[in-house]
Amino acid sequence: MPEDRAIETHDLSKNYGDRLAVDRLNLTVASKQVHGFLGPNGAGKSTTIKMMVGLLRPTTGSLSILGQGVRGDNPKVRRKIGYMPELPRFPKHLSGEELLDVYGRMYGMSKTERQGRIPELIKMVGLEGRGKDRIGKYSKGMQQRIGIAQALISDPELVILDEPSIGLDPVGMVEVRNMVKDIVKSGTTVFFSSHLLAEVQQVCDHVTVIHLGVMRYSGTLEDISSKVMARRRIVIELEKPVDGVLAALKTMKFATVEANVNTYTLHLDTREDVRAEVSRAVTGAGGVILRMQEEGGGLEDAFLSLVGKEGMA
């Protein structure tokens, strides 16, 4: 695998009995970027991540992480990856510092290395002054932050975060967002899953969308709206209802029409700018336009067209 790729899969699949959780996933994640893995709950995100970190073996297909083939646990790869699972649960009797020390020893770090690294991480994740407190006394947001800290203890080349903002209030989401941005500034690759479009928009340049185990899109956020047929619509408000207007609009093959008294909504099946054509049809039928505007077609609509309304929950 080229050095500029942190993750690469080829026809990666995972079955649970008769259920296909991940279906022939072909994914490429470039190094030194934040790559979002987006999809509704149950889309196959966590299953994919568990294969990446060696907790699950693929049913078929291949997976490479940081240039190494992975099929189940690979210690050489594991040492270079930091991983925070969805809703991490840590021993409540340990302090934050003790937890990081345990993980540091698991990675083979010396006592000197751990003593230098742990205070840095405690500060980085916003837990200064709370490092000696028991995890059982931590709020949900603090537990998420210590979870990110343990994923960074070994200074990994790749950090994989599974739903890092789940269950957090808006302030906690912003804090996690800022931490992700700081991590990638150091040259580390960050791959994180989410079912929240807003989170992905804030921190990612590249995104992969998965739904029902199938990859629906992979590329830049900038390109997704232009490459996906998003749900554009034109809303027209007339001075008063005119019978001929609805009939005229229904003759247009590039749209379906909804009427509500003097307001008409055209759901478009084209990428072309058809406002002039619509305007001529309305005025030609005797309608007087008070307002005409185009709506939708943006990023949210693109995701809706890929994963359906459940993906935006």
C-alpha atoms as a PDB file:
ATOM      1  CA  MET A   1       0.000   0.000   0.000  1.00  0.00           C
ATOM      2  CA  PRO A   2       1.410   3.460  -0.879  1.00  0.00           C
ATOM      3  CA  GLU A   3       2.773   5.481   2.046  1.00  0.00           C
ATOM      4  CA  ASP A   4       0.186   8.203   1.508  1.00  0.00           C
ATOM      5  CA  ARG A   5      -2.631   5.806   2.427  1.00  0.00           C
ATOM      6  CA  ALA A   6      -3.440   5.071   6.046  1.00  0.00           C
ATOM      7  CA  ILE A   7      -6.341   2.680   5.359  1.00  0.00           C
ATOM      8  CA  GLU A   8      -7.249   0.683   2.293  1.00  0.00           C
ATOM      9  CA  THR A   9      -9.873  -2.032   1.880  1.00  0.00           C
ATOM     10  CA  HIS A  10     -10.764  -4.207  -1.086  1.00  0.00           C
ATOM     11  CA  ASP A  11     -14.184  -5.883  -1.244  1.00  0.00           C
ATOM     12  CA  LEU A  12     -14.225  -6.050   2.567  1.00  0.00           C
ATOM     13  CA  SER A  13     -17.275  -7.936   3.861  1.00  0.00           C
ATOM     14  CA  LYS A  14     -18.522  -9.191   7.204  1.00  0.00           C
ATOM     15  CA  ASN A  15     -21.382 -11.609   7.775  1.00  0.00           C
ATOM     16  CA  TYR A  16     -23.172 -12.375  11.027  1.00  0.00           C
ATOM     17  CA  GLY A  17     -24.904 -15.589  10.079  1.00  0.00           C
ATOM     18  CA  ASP A  18     -27.327 -14.687   7.316  1.00  0.00           C
ATOM     19  CA  ARG A  19     -26.980 -10.939   7.893  1.00  0.00           C
ATOM     20  CA  LEU A  20     -24.456  -9.037   5.784  1.00  0.00           C
ATOM     21  CA  ALA A  21     -23.226  -6.189   8.000  1.00  0.00           C
ATOM     22  CA  VAL A  22     -20.550  -4.883   5.613  1.00  0.00           C
ATOM     23  CA  ASP A  23     -20.887  -5.531   1.898  1.00  0.00           C
ATOM     24  CA  ARG A  24     -17.782  -5.399  -0.345  1.00  0.00           C
ATOM     25  CA  LEU A  25     -16.419  -2.137   1.036  1.00  0.00           C
ATOM     26  CA  ASN A  26     -13.719  -0.468  -1.076  1.00  0.00           C
ATOM     27  CA  LEU A  27     -12.322   2.363   1.000  1.00  0.00           C
ATOM     28  CA  THR A  28      -9.187   4.504   0.764  1.00  0.00           C
ATOM     29  CA  VAL A  29      -8.176   6.914   3.532  1.00  0.00           C
ATOM     30  CA  ALA A  30      -5.245   9.215   2.828  1.00  0.00           C
ATOM     31  CA  SER A  31      -2.641   9.839   5.513  1.00  0.00           C
ATOM     32  CA  LYS A  32      -2.554  12.984   7.634  1.00  0.00           C
ATOM     33  CA  GLN A  33      -6.199  13.952   7.205  1.00  0.00           C
ATOM     34  CA  VAL A  34      -9.469  13.757   9.114  1.00  0.00           C
ATOM     35  CA  HIS A  35     -11.736  11.295   7.342  1.00  0.00           C
ATOM     36  CA  GLY A  36     -15.342  11.019   8.445  1.00  0.00           C
ATOM     37  CA  PHE A  37     -17.226   7.714   8.296  1.00  0.00           C
ATOM     38  CA  LEU A  38     -20.861   8.696   8.139  1.00  0.00           C
ATOM     39  CA  GLY A  39     -24.054   6.684   8.228  1.00  0.00           C
ATOM     40  CA  PRO A  40     -27.178   6.046  10.311  1.00  0.00           C
ATOM     41  CA  ASN A  41     -27.131   3.724  13.289  1.00  0.00           C
ATOM     42  CA  GLY A  42     -26.824   0.136  12.089  1.00  0.00           C
ATOM     43  CA  ALA A  43     -25.123   1.124   8.826  1.00  0.00           C
ATOM     44  CA  GLY A  44     -22.047  -1.047   9.471  1.00  0.00           C
ATOM     45  CA  LYS A  45     -19.677   1.617  10.805  1.00  0.00           C
ATOM     46  CA  SER A  46     -18.709  -0.070  14.081  1.00  0.00           C
ATOM     47  CA  THR A  47     -18.335  -3.476  12.414  1.00  0.00           C
ATOM     48  CA  THR A  48     -15.927  -1.948   9.885  1.00  0.00           C
ATOM     49  CA  ILE A  49     -13.919  -0.260  12.621  1.00  0.00           C
ATOM     50  CA  LYS A  50     -13.687  -3.472  14.655  1.00  0.00           C
ATOM     51  CA  MET A  51     -12.186  -5.189  11.621  1.00  0.00           C
ATOM     52  CA  MET A  52      -9.671  -2.356  11.280  1.00  0.00           C
ATOM     53  CA  VAL A  53      -8.470  -2.662  14.866  1.00  0.00           C
ATOM     54  CA  GLY A  54      -8.383  -6.470  14.846  1.00  0.00           C
ATOM     55  CA  LEU A  55     -11.397  -7.195  17.039  1.00  0.00           C
ATOM     56  CA  LEU A  56     -13.224  -8.917  14.170  1.00  0.00           C
ATOM     57  CA  ARG A  57     -11.984 -10.975  11.245  1.00  0.00           C
ATOM     58  CA  PRO A  58     -13.403 -10.154   7.808  1.00  0.00           C
ATOM     59  CA  THR A  59     -15.558 -12.808   6.179  1.00  0.00           C
ATOM     60  CA  THR A  60     -14.111 -11.968   2.764  1.00  0.00           C
ATOM     61  CA  GLY A  61     -11.953  -9.272   1.200  1.00  0.00           C
ATOM     62  CA  SER A  62      -8.734  -7.598   2.305  1.00  0.00           C
ATOM     63  CA  LEU A  63      -7.738  -4.773   4.630  1.00  0.00           C
ATOM     64  CA  SER A  64      -4.460  -2.851   4.944  1.00  0.00           C
ATOM     65  CA  ILE A  65      -3.615  -0.448   7.758  1.00  0.00           C
ATOM     66  CA  LEU A  66      -0.480   1.720   7.565  1.00  0.00           C
ATOM     67  CA  GLY A  67       0.954  -0.542   4.876  1.00  0.00           C
ATOM     68  CA  GLN A  68       0.354  -3.795   6.769  1.00  0.00           C
ATOM     69  CA  GLY A  69      -2.193  -6.447   5.873  1.00  0.00           C
ATOM     70  CA  VAL A  70      -4.722  -7.025   8.637  1.00  0.00           C
ATOM     71  CA  ARG A  71      -6.900 -10.085   9.138  1.00  0.00           C
ATOM     72  CA  GLY A  72      -7.721 -10.211  12.799  1.00  0.00           C
ATOM     73  CA  ASP A  73      -5.195  -8.984  15.347  1.00  0.00           C
ATOM     74  CA  ASN A  74      -1.828  -7.781  14.026  1.00  0.00           C
ATOM     75  CA  PRO A  75       0.475  -6.617  16.867  1.00  0.00           C
ATOM     76  CA  LYS A  76       2.703  -4.609  14.510  1.00  0.00           C
ATOM     77  CA  VAL A  77      -0.302  -2.623  13.360  1.00  0.00           C
ATOM     78  CA  ARG A  78      -1.949  -2.435  16.774  1.00  0.00           C
ATOM     79  CA  ARG A  79       1.016  -0.558  18.254  1.00  0.00           C
ATOM     80  CA  LYS A  80       0.588   2.195  15.654  1.00  0.00           C
ATOM     81  CA  ILE A  81      -3.163   2.652  16.157  1.00  0.00           C
ATOM     82  CA  GLY A  82      -5.063   4.524  18.822  1.00  0.00           C
ATOM     83  CA  TYR A  83      -8.678   3.414  19.243  1.00  0.00           C
ATOM     84  CA  MET A  84     -11.623   4.711  21.216  1.00  0.00           C
ATOM     85  CA  PRO A  85     -14.717   2.467  21.011  1.00  0.00           C
ATOM     86  CA  GLU A  86     -18.257   3.771  21.006  1.00  0.00           C
ATOM     87  CA  LEU A  87     -19.352   4.599  24.569  1.00  0.00           C
ATOM     88  CA  PRO A  88     -16.079   3.490  26.226  1.00  0.00           C
ATOM     89  CA  ARG A  89     -16.379   1.944  29.677  1.00  0.00           C
ATOM     90  CA  PHE A  90     -13.354   2.183  31.913  1.00  0.00           C
ATOM     91  CA  PRO A  91     -12.801   0.838  35.473  1.00  0.00           C
ATOM     92  CA  LYS A  92     -14.457   3.337  37.780  1.00  0.00           C
ATOM     93  CA  HIS A  93     -11.979   2.793  40.606  1.00  0.00           C
ATOM     94  CA  LEU A  94      -9.028   4.039  38.530  1.00  0.00           C
ATOM     95  CA  SER A  95      -8.093   7.687  38.250  1.00  0.00           C
ATOM     96  CA  GLY A  96      -7.654   9.234  34.831  1.00  0.00           C
ATOM     97  CA  GLU A  97      -3.872   9.206  35.266  1.00  0.00           C
ATOM     98  CA  GLU A  98      -3.874   5.573  36.410  1.00  0.00           C
ATOM     99  CA  LEU A  99      -5.920   4.558  33.380  1.00  0.00           C
ATOM    100  CA  LEU A 100      -3.460   6.227  31.013  1.00  0.00           C
ATOM    101  CA  ASP A 101      -0.571   4.592  32.843  1.00  0.00           C
ATOM    102  CA  VAL A 102      -2.168   1.144  32.343  1.00  0.00           C
ATOM    103  CA  TYR A 103      -2.583   1.764  28.624  1.00  0.00           C
ATOM    104  CA  GLY A 104       0.942   3.137  28.372  1.00  0.00           C
ATOM    105  CA  ARG A 105       2.341  -0.049  29.874  1.00  0.00           C
ATOM    106  CA  MET A 106       0.220  -2.121  27.479  1.00  0.00           C
ATOM    107  CA  TYR A 107       1.914  -0.303  24.608  1.00  0.00           C
ATOM    108  CA  GLY A 108       5.334  -1.035  26.095  1.00  0.00           C
ATOM    109  CA  MET A 109       6.148   2.554  27.044  1.00  0.00           C
ATOM    110  CA  SER A 110       8.844   3.082  29.656  1.00  0.00           C
ATOM    111  CA  LYS A 111       8.066   4.700  33.001  1.00  0.00           C
ATOM    112  CA  THR A 112       9.883   7.854  31.900  1.00  0.00           C
ATOM    113  CA  GLU A 113       7.881   7.987  28.672  1.00  0.00           C
ATOM    114  CA  ARG A 114       4.625   7.546  30.548  1.00  0.00           C
ATOM    115  CA  GLN A 115       5.482  10.203  33.101  1.00  0.00           C
ATOM    116  CA  GLY A 116       6.145  12.676  30.316  1.00  0.00           C
ATOM    117  CA  ARG A 117       3.215  11.778  28.114  1.00  0.00           C
ATOM    118  CA  ILE A 118       0.363  11.497  30.639  1.00  0.00           C
ATOM    119  CA  PRO A 119       0.407  15.142  31.879  1.00  0.00           C
ATOM    120  CA  GLU A 120       0.530  16.332  28.247  1.00  0.00           C
ATOM    121  CA  LEU A 121      -2.568  14.329  27.379  1.00  0.00           C
ATOM    122  CA  ILE A 122      -4.468  15.314  30.526  1.00  0.00           C
ATOM    123  CA  LYS A 123      -3.912  18.955  29.558  1.00  0.00           C
ATOM    124  CA  MET A 124      -4.701  18.384  25.891  1.00  0.00           C
ATOM    125  CA  VAL A 125      -8.121  16.848  26.565  1.00  0.00           C
ATOM    126  CA  GLY A 126      -9.097  19.493  29.092  1.00  0.00           C
ATOM    127  CA  LEU A 127      -8.816  17.467  32.298  1.00  0.00           C
ATOM    128  CA  GLU A 128      -6.157  19.529  34.062  1.00  0.00           C
ATOM    129  CA  GLY A 129      -6.692  19.300  37.796  1.00  0.00           C
ATOM    130  CA  ARG A 130      -8.920  16.225  37.424  1.00  0.00           C
ATOM    131  CA  GLY A 131      -6.326  13.620  36.451  1.00  0.00           C
ATOM    132  CA  LYS A 132      -6.185  12.152  39.966  1.00  0.00           C
ATOM    133  CA  ASP A 133      -9.979  11.931  40.297  1.00  0.00           C
ATOM    134  CA  ARG A 134     -11.658   8.530  40.003  1.00  0.00           C
ATOM    135  CA  ILE A 135     -13.254   7.846  36.629  1.00  0.00           C
ATOM    136  CA  GLY A 136     -16.463   6.907  38.473  1.00  0.00           C
ATOM    137  CA  LYS A 137     -16.794  10.601  39.373  1.00  0.00           C
ATOM    138  CA  TYR A 138     -16.309  11.779  35.790  1.00  0.00           C
ATOM    139  CA  SER A 139     -19.204  13.175  33.790  1.00  0.00           C
ATOM    140  CA  LYS A 140     -20.037  11.568  30.442  1.00  0.00           C
ATOM    141  CA  GLY A 141     -18.120  14.305  28.652  1.00  0.00           C
ATOM    142  CA  MET A 142     -15.060  13.768  30.857  1.00  0.00           C
ATOM    143  CA  GLN A 143     -15.194  10.028  30.199  1.00  0.00           C
ATOM    144  CA  GLN A 144     -15.209  10.738  26.453  1.00  0.00           C
ATOM    145  CA  ARG A 145     -12.177  13.014  26.897  1.00  0.00           C
ATOM    146  CA  ILE A 146     -10.199  10.430  28.869  1.00  0.00           C
ATOM    147  CA  GLY A 147     -11.187   7.936  26.175  1.00  0.00           C
ATOM    148  CA  ILE A 148      -9.594  10.129  23.536  1.00  0.00           C
ATOM    149  CA  ALA A 149      -6.528  10.544  25.748  1.00  0.00           C
ATOM    150  CA  GLN A 150      -6.028   6.764  26.034  1.00  0.00           C
ATOM    151  CA  ALA A 151      -6.306   6.511  22.230  1.00  0.00           C
ATOM    152  CA  LEU A 152      -3.386   8.962  21.979  1.00  0.00           C
ATOM    153  CA  ILE A 153      -1.132   7.555  24.703  1.00  0.00           C
ATOM    154  CA  SER A 154       1.314   5.826  22.332  1.00  0.00           C
ATOM    155  CA  ASP A 155       1.530   8.812  19.930  1.00  0.00           C
ATOM    156  CA  PRO A 156      -0.073   6.675  17.182  1.00  0.00           C
ATOM    157  CA  GLU A 157       0.115   7.229  13.437  1.00  0.00           C
ATOM    158  CA  LEU A 158      -3.596   6.519  13.074  1.00  0.00           C
ATOM    159  CA  VAL A 159      -6.376   7.365  15.540  1.00  0.00           C
ATOM    160  CA  ILE A 160      -9.755   5.646  15.100  1.00  0.00           C
ATOM    161  CA  LEU A 161     -12.671   7.105  17.027  1.00  0.00           C
ATOM    162  CA  ASP A 162     -16.074   5.418  17.027  1.00  0.00           C
ATOM    163  CA  GLU A 163     -18.845   7.994  17.599  1.00  0.00           C
ATOM    164  CA  PRO A 164     -16.684  10.272  19.806  1.00  0.00           C
ATOM    165  CA  SER A 165     -19.492  12.827  20.291  1.00  0.00           C
ATOM    166  CA  ILE A 166     -22.305  10.429  21.133  1.00  0.00           C
ATOM    167  CA  GLY A 167     -24.264  11.427  24.215  1.00  0.00           C
ATOM    168  CA  LEU A 168     -22.499  14.765  24.642  1.00  0.00           C
ATOM    169  CA  ASP A 169     -24.135  18.146  25.090  1.00  0.00           C
ATOM    170  CA  PRO A 170     -23.333  20.915  22.545  1.00  0.00           C
ATOM    171  CA  VAL A 171     -20.390  22.196  24.600  1.00  0.00           C
ATOM    172  CA  GLY A 172     -18.908  18.701  24.822  1.00  0.00           C
ATOM    173  CA  MET A 173     -19.325  18.249  21.065  1.00  0.00           C
ATOM    174  CA  VAL A 174     -17.376  21.442  20.393  1.00  0.00           C
ATOM    175  CA  GLU A 175     -14.596  20.305  22.739  1.00  0.00           C
ATOM    176  CA  VAL A 176     -14.295  16.932  21.008  1.00  0.00           C
ATOM    177  CA  ARG A 177     -14.349  18.666  17.624  1.00  0.00           C
ATOM    178  CA  ASN A 178     -11.463  20.918  18.624  1.00  0.00           C
ATOM    179  CA  MET A 179      -9.480  17.954  19.956  1.00  0.00           C
ATOM    180  CA  VAL A 180      -9.833  16.146  16.636  1.00  0.00           C
ATOM    181  CA  LYS A 181      -8.534  19.227  14.820  1.00  0.00           C
ATOM    182  CA  ASP A 182      -5.556  19.416  17.191  1.00  0.00           C
ATOM    183  CA  ILE A 183      -4.717  15.736  16.707  1.00  0.00           C
ATOM    184  CA  VAL A 184      -4.457  15.998  12.935  1.00  0.00           C
ATOM    185  CA  LYS A 185      -2.259  19.112  13.177  1.00  0.00           C
ATOM    186  CA  SER A 186       0.492  16.881  14.585  1.00  0.00           C
ATOM    187  CA  GLY A 187       0.490  14.783  11.395  1.00  0.00           C
ATOM    188  CA  THR A 188      -1.684  11.974  12.750  1.00  0.00           C
ATOM    189  CA  THR A 189      -4.440  10.496  10.594  1.00  0.00           C
ATOM    190  CA  VAL A 190      -7.870  10.595  12.225  1.00  0.00           C
ATOM    191  CA  PHE A 191     -10.666   8.279  11.098  1.00  0.00           C
ATOM    192  CA  PHE A 192     -13.891   8.737  12.988  1.00  0.00           C
ATOM    193  CA  SER A 193     -17.410   7.472  12.600  1.00  0.00           C
ATOM    194  CA  SER A 194     -20.540   9.461  13.245  1.00  0.00           C
ATOM    195  CA  HIS A 195     -24.230   9.511  12.433  1.00  0.00           C
ATOM    196  CA  LEU A 196     -24.243  13.305  12.885  1.00  0.00           C
ATOM    197  CA  LEU A 197     -23.742  15.270   9.679  1.00  0.00           C
ATOM    198  CA  ALA A 198     -23.000  18.484  11.569  1.00  0.00           C
ATOM    199  CA  GLU A 199     -20.012  16.894  13.307  1.00  0.00           C
ATOM    200  CA  VAL A 200     -18.532  15.614  10.058  1.00  0.00           C
ATOM    201  CA  GLN A 201     -19.011  18.976   8.345  1.00  0.00           C
ATOM    202  CA  GLN A 202     -17.085  20.787  11.069  1.00  0.00           C
ATOM    203  CA  VAL A 203     -13.878  18.761  11.011  1.00  0.00           C
ATOM    204  CA  CYS A 204     -13.581  16.689   7.813  1.00  0.00           C
ATOM    205  CA  ASP A 205     -12.371  17.356   4.312  1.00  0.00           C
ATOM    206  CA  HIS A 206     -13.101  13.819   3.170  1.00  0.00           C
ATOM    207  CA  VAL A 207     -15.987  11.556   4.025  1.00  0.00           C
ATOM    208  CA  THR A 208     -17.278   8.085   3.311  1.00  0.00           C
ATOM    209  CA  VAL A 209     -21.011   7.441   3.536  1.00  0.00           C
ATOM    210  CA  ILE A 210     -22.174   3.908   4.345  1.00  0.00           C
ATOM    211  CA  HIS A 211     -25.740   2.635   4.564  1.00  0.00           C
ATOM    212  CA  LEU A 212     -26.943  -0.922   5.164  1.00  0.00           C
ATOM    213  CA  GLY A 213     -23.345  -2.104   4.860  1.00  0.00           C
ATOM    214  CA  VAL A 214     -22.859  -0.606   1.392  1.00  0.00           C
ATOM    215  CA  MET A 215     -20.632   2.371   0.582  1.00  0.00           C
ATOM    216  CA  ARG A 216     -22.787   5.058  -1.030  1.00  0.00           C
ATOM    217  CA  TYR A 217     -20.152   7.782  -1.473  1.00  0.00           C
ATOM    218  CA  SER A 218     -16.486   8.422  -0.751  1.00  0.00           C
ATOM    219  CA  GLY A 219     -14.681  11.650  -1.558  1.00  0.00           C
ATOM    220  CA  THR A 220     -14.496  15.282  -0.537  1.00  0.00           C
ATOM    221  CA  LEU A 221     -17.293  17.141   1.190  1.00  0.00           C
ATOM    222  CA  GLU A 222     -16.891  19.802  -1.476  1.00  0.00           C
ATOM    223  CA  ASP A 223     -17.756  17.338  -4.251  1.00  0.00           C
ATOM    224  CA  ILE A 224     -20.599  15.434  -2.660  1.00  0.00           C
ATOM    225  CA  SER A 225     -23.370  17.907  -3.490  1.00  0.00           C
ATOM    226  CA  SER A 226     -22.362  18.055  -7.152  1.00  0.00           C
ATOM    227  CA  LYS A 227     -21.939  14.286  -7.552  1.00  0.00           C
ATOM    228  CA  VAL A 228     -25.081  13.213  -5.718  1.00  0.00           C
ATOM    229  CA  MET A 229     -28.539  13.982  -7.080  1.00  0.00           C
ATOM    230  CA  ALA A 230     -29.760  16.030  -4.141  1.00  0.00           C
ATOM    231  CA  ARG A 231     -33.374  16.990  -3.614  1.00  0.00           C
ATOM    232  CA  ARG A 232     -33.642  20.420  -5.175  1.00  0.00           C
ATOM    233  CA  ARG A 233     -36.998  22.121  -5.337  1.00  0.00           C
ATOM    234  CA  ILE A 234     -38.495  25.380  -6.542  1.00  0.00           C
ATOM    235  CA  VAL A 235     -41.177  27.071  -4.440  1.00  0.00           C
ATOM    236  CA  ILE A 236     -43.491  29.527  -6.188  1.00  0.00           C
ATOM    237  CA  GLU A 237     -45.983  31.813  -4.442  1.00  0.00           C
ATOM    238  CA  LEU A 238     -48.627  33.432  -6.646  1.00  0.00           C
ATOM    239  CA  GLU A 239     -50.735  36.513  -6.047  1.00  0.00           C
ATOM    240  CA  LYS A 240     -53.804  34.252  -6.230  1.00  0.00           C
ATOM    241  CA  PRO A 241     -54.557  30.680  -7.367  1.00  0.00           C
ATOM    242  CA  VAL A 242     -54.920  30.209 -11.112  1.00  0.00           C
ATOM    243  CA  ASP A 243     -56.312  26.938 -12.466  1.00  0.00           C
ATOM    244  CA  GLY A 244     -54.112  26.889 -15.555  1.00  0.00           C
ATOM    245  CA  VAL A 245     -50.839  27.210 -13.602  1.00  0.00           C
ATOM    246  CA  LEU A 246     -50.980  23.739 -12.047  1.00  0.00           C
ATOM    247  CA  ALA A 247     -51.772  22.166 -15.412  1.00  0.00           C
ATOM    248  CA  ALA A 248     -48.851  24.016 -17.038  1.00  0.00           C
ATOM    249  CA  LEU A 249     -46.394  22.954 -14.330  1.00  0.00           C
ATOM    250  CA  LYS A 250     -47.498  19.329 -14.552  1.00  0.00           C
ATOM    251  CA  THR A 251     -46.429  19.211 -18.199  1.00  0.00           C
ATOM    252  CA  MET A 252     -42.785  19.712 -17.159  1.00  0.00           C
ATOM    253  CA  LYS A 253     -40.976  16.376 -17.342  1.00  0.00           C
ATOM    254  CA  PHE A 254     -38.138  17.406 -15.006  1.00  0.00           C
ATOM    255  CA  ALA A 255     -40.303  17.862 -11.894  1.00  0.00           C
ATOM    256  CA  THR A 256     -43.198  16.616  -9.821  1.00  0.00           C
ATOM    257  CA  VAL A 257     -45.563  19.273  -8.509  1.00  0.00           C
ATOM    258  CA  GLU A 258     -47.370  19.868  -5.214  1.00  0.00           C
ATOM    259  CA  ALA A 259     -50.001  22.596  -4.892  1.00  0.00           C
ATOM    260  CA  ASN A 260     -51.264  24.291  -1.715  1.00  0.00           C
ATOM    261  CA  VAL A 261     -53.712  27.114  -2.412  1.00  0.00           C
ATOM    262  CA  ASN A 262     -51.491  29.734  -4.107  1.00  0.00           C
ATOM    263  CA  THR A 263     -48.131  28.024  -3.417  1.00  0.00           C
ATOM    264  CA  TYR A 264     -46.596  25.445  -5.752  1.00  0.00           C
ATOM    265  CA  THR A 265     -43.569  23.261  -4.988  1.00  0.00           C
ATOM    266  CA  LEU A 266     -41.649  21.611  -7.831  1.00  0.00           C
ATOM    267  CA  HIS A 267     -39.441  18.657  -6.808  1.00  0.00           C
ATOM    268  CA  LEU A 268     -36.723  18.627  -9.455  1.00  0.00           C
ATOM    269  CA  ASP A 269     -35.148  15.643 -11.198  1.00  0.00           C
ATOM    270  CA  THR A 270     -32.506  17.707 -12.990  1.00  0.00           C
ATOM    271  CA  ARG A 271     -29.299  19.569 -12.157  1.00  0.00           C
ATOM    272  CA  GLU A 272     -30.080  22.302 -14.702  1.00  0.00           C
ATOM    273  CA  ASP A 273     -31.210  25.795 -13.769  1.00  0.00           C
ATOM    274  CA  VAL A 274     -34.850  25.727 -14.892  1.00  0.00           C
ATOM    275  CA  ARG A 275     -36.142  28.821 -13.113  1.00  0.00           C
ATOM    276  CA  ALA A 276     -36.593  30.843 -16.321  1.00  0.00           C
ATOM    277  CA  GLU A 277     -38.543  28.020 -17.960  1.00  0.00           C
ATOM    278  CA  VAL A 278     -40.761  27.649 -14.896  1.00  0.00           C
ATOM    279  CA  SER A 279     -41.359  31.390 -14.744  1.00  0.00           C
ATOM    280  CA  ARG A 280     -42.434  31.501 -18.386  1.00  0.00           C
ATOM    281  CA  ALA A 281     -44.834  28.594 -17.839  1.00  0.00           C
ATOM    282  CA  VAL A 282     -46.454  30.282 -14.833  1.00  0.00           C
ATOM    283  CA  THR A 283     -46.854  33.704 -16.437  1.00  0.00           C
ATOM    284  CA  GLY A 284     -47.994  32.122 -19.696  1.00  0.00           C
ATOM    285  CA  ALA A 285     -50.824  30.435 -17.786  1.00  0.00           C
ATOM    286  CA  GLY A 286     -51.889  33.761 -16.276  1.00  0.00           C
ATOM    287  CA  GLY A 287     -50.164  33.522 -12.893  1.00  0.00           C
ATOM    288  CA  VAL A 288     -48.608  36.538 -11.138  1.00  0.00           C
ATOM    289  CA  ILE A 289     -45.484  35.490  -9.208  1.00  0.00           C
ATOM    290  CA  LEU A 290     -44.948  37.083  -5.793  1.00  0.00           C
ATOM    291  CA  ARG A 291     -42.027  34.846  -4.837  1.00  0.00           C
ATOM    292  CA  MET A 292     -39.967  32.130  -6.520  1.00  0.00           C
ATOM    293  CA  GLN A 293     -36.947  30.545  -4.862  1.00  0.00           C
ATOM    294  CA  GLU A 294     -34.852  27.426  -5.173  1.00  0.00           C
ATOM    295  CA  GLU A 295     -34.341  25.340  -2.037  1.00  0.00           C
ATOM    296  CA  GLY A 296     -32.378  22.228  -1.132  1.00  0.00           C
ATOM    297  CA  GLY A 297     -29.636  20.739  -3.244  1.00  0.00           C
ATOM    298  CA  GLY A 298     -27.084  21.335  -0.505  1.00  0.00           C
ATOM    299  CA  LEU A 299     -25.032  18.969   1.610  1.00  0.00           C
ATOM    300  CA  GLU A 300     -27.866  17.865   3.887  1.00  0.00           C
ATOM    301  CA  ASP A 301     -30.073  17.028   0.936  1.00  0.00           C
ATOM    302  CA  ALA A 302     -27.223  15.080  -0.660  1.00  0.00           C
ATOM    303  CA  PHE A 303     -26.902  12.929   2.461  1.00  0.00           C
ATOM    304  CA  LEU A 304     -30.654  12.464   2.622  1.00  0.00           C
ATOM    305  CA  SER A 305     -30.619  11.145  -0.929  1.00  0.00           C
ATOM    306  CA  LEU A 306     -27.859   8.675   0.045  1.00  0.00           C
ATOM    307  CA  VAL A 307     -29.125   7.302   3.347  1.00  0.00           C
ATOM    308  CA  GLY A 308     -32.735   8.442   3.723  1.00  0.00           C
ATOM    309  CA  LYS A 309     -34.292  10.393   6.560  1.00  0.00           C
ATOM    310  CA  GLU A 310     -33.116   7.943   9.220  1.00  0.00           C
ATOM    311  CA  GLY A 311     -29.532   8.993   8.500  1.00  0.00           C
ATOM    312  CA  MET A 312     -30.210  12.524   9.676  1.00  0.00           C
ATOM    313  CA  ALA A 313     -31.676  11.551  13.031  1.00  0.00           C
END
